[in-house]
């Protein structure tokens, strides 16, 4: 698997996570039970860092060999 293929997979994963977060937010707004709403909010909080990482890795893997790209500090060795 090439880095460009990995980039596409990360972008696809980010899109799925983003869609799920939107669904959970809509469900949270409609929730009448406070405990259930808190559970949904916790799930959103768990998914948010995954979304950020997928987005960052999609960019990193797409531009890894681009000399002008300054790599993200979190993912350098």
Protein backbone atom coordinates (compact mmCIF):
# COMPACT_ATOMS: atom_id res chain seq x y z
CA UNK A 1 0.00 0.00 0.00
CA UNK A 2 1.36 3.41 -0.95
CA UNK A 3 1.18 6.54 1.15
CA UNK A 4 -1.30 8.08 -1.29
CA UNK A 5 -3.58 5.06 -0.84
CA UNK A 6 -3.21 5.38 2.92
CA UNK A 7 -4.07 9.08 2.64
CA UNK A 8 -7.31 8.25 0.84
CA UNK A 9 -8.22 5.72 3.50
CA UNK A 10 -7.54 8.22 6.28
CA UNK A 11 -9.69 10.80 4.48
CA UNK A 12 -12.50 8.25 4.09
CA UNK A 13 -12.26 7.34 7.77
CA UNK A 14 -12.37 11.00 8.73
CA UNK A 15 -15.52 11.48 6.65
CA UNK A 16 -17.20 8.52 8.37
CA UNK A 17 -16.23 9.76 11.83
CA UNK A 18 -17.40 13.29 11.00
CA UNK A 19 -20.76 11.91 9.83
CA UNK A 20 -21.11 9.84 13.01
CA UNK A 21 -20.34 12.88 15.18
CA UNK A 22 -23.06 14.82 13.36
CA UNK A 23 -25.54 12.00 13.98
CA UNK A 24 -24.62 11.86 17.65
CA UNK A 25 -24.97 15.65 18.04
CA UNK A 26 -28.43 15.55 16.47
CA UNK A 27 -29.39 12.65 18.70
CA UNK A 28 -28.01 14.48 21.74
CA UNK A 29 -30.13 17.57 20.97
CA UNK A 30 -33.28 15.45 20.78
CA UNK A 31 -32.48 13.44 23.90
CA UNK A 32 -34.75 14.16 26.84
CA UNK A 33 -32.92 11.97 29.34
CA UNK A 34 -29.93 13.90 30.80
CA UNK A 35 -27.95 10.72 31.50
CA UNK A 36 -28.37 9.51 27.93
CA UNK A 37 -27.42 12.96 26.62
CA UNK A 38 -24.23 12.88 28.72
CA UNK A 39 -23.42 9.44 27.32
CA UNK A 40 -23.81 10.72 23.78
CA UNK A 41 -21.66 13.75 24.58
CA UNK A 42 -18.95 11.47 26.00
CA UNK A 43 -19.00 9.45 22.79
CA UNK A 44 -18.63 12.65 20.75
CA UNK A 45 -15.69 13.64 22.96
CA UNK A 46 -14.10 10.22 22.33
CA UNK A 47 -14.50 10.50 18.56
CA UNK A 48 -13.21 14.07 18.24
CA UNK A 49 -9.49 13.25 18.71
CA UNK A 50 -9.84 10.35 16.26
CA UNK A 51 -11.27 12.73 13.69
CA UNK A 52 -8.41 15.18 14.19
CA UNK A 53 -5.80 12.42 13.88
CA UNK A 54 -7.37 11.01 10.71
CA UNK A 55 -7.37 14.46 9.12
CA UNK A 56 -3.76 15.12 10.13
CA UNK A 57 -2.57 11.73 8.90
CA UNK A 58 -4.42 12.12 5.61
CA UNK A 59 -2.49 15.33 4.95
CA UNK A 60 0.79 13.89 6.21
CA UNK A 61 0.63 10.76 4.08
CA UNK A 62 -0.52 12.67 1.00
CA UNK A 63 2.30 15.20 1.20
CA UNK A 64 5.03 13.08 2.81
CA UNK A 65 7.42 13.32 -0.15
CA UNK A 66 6.67 16.94 -0.97
CA UNK A 67 9.86 18.85 -0.13
CA UNK A 68 8.02 22.09 0.59
CA UNK A 69 5.70 20.45 3.14
CA UNK A 70 6.65 21.00 6.77
CA UNK A 71 5.65 17.82 8.53
CA UNK A 72 3.49 17.83 11.59
CA UNK A 73 5.59 17.76 14.79
CA UNK A 74 3.47 15.04 16.37
CA UNK A 75 4.26 12.52 13.65
CA UNK A 76 7.98 13.02 13.13
CA UNK A 77 10.64 10.68 14.42
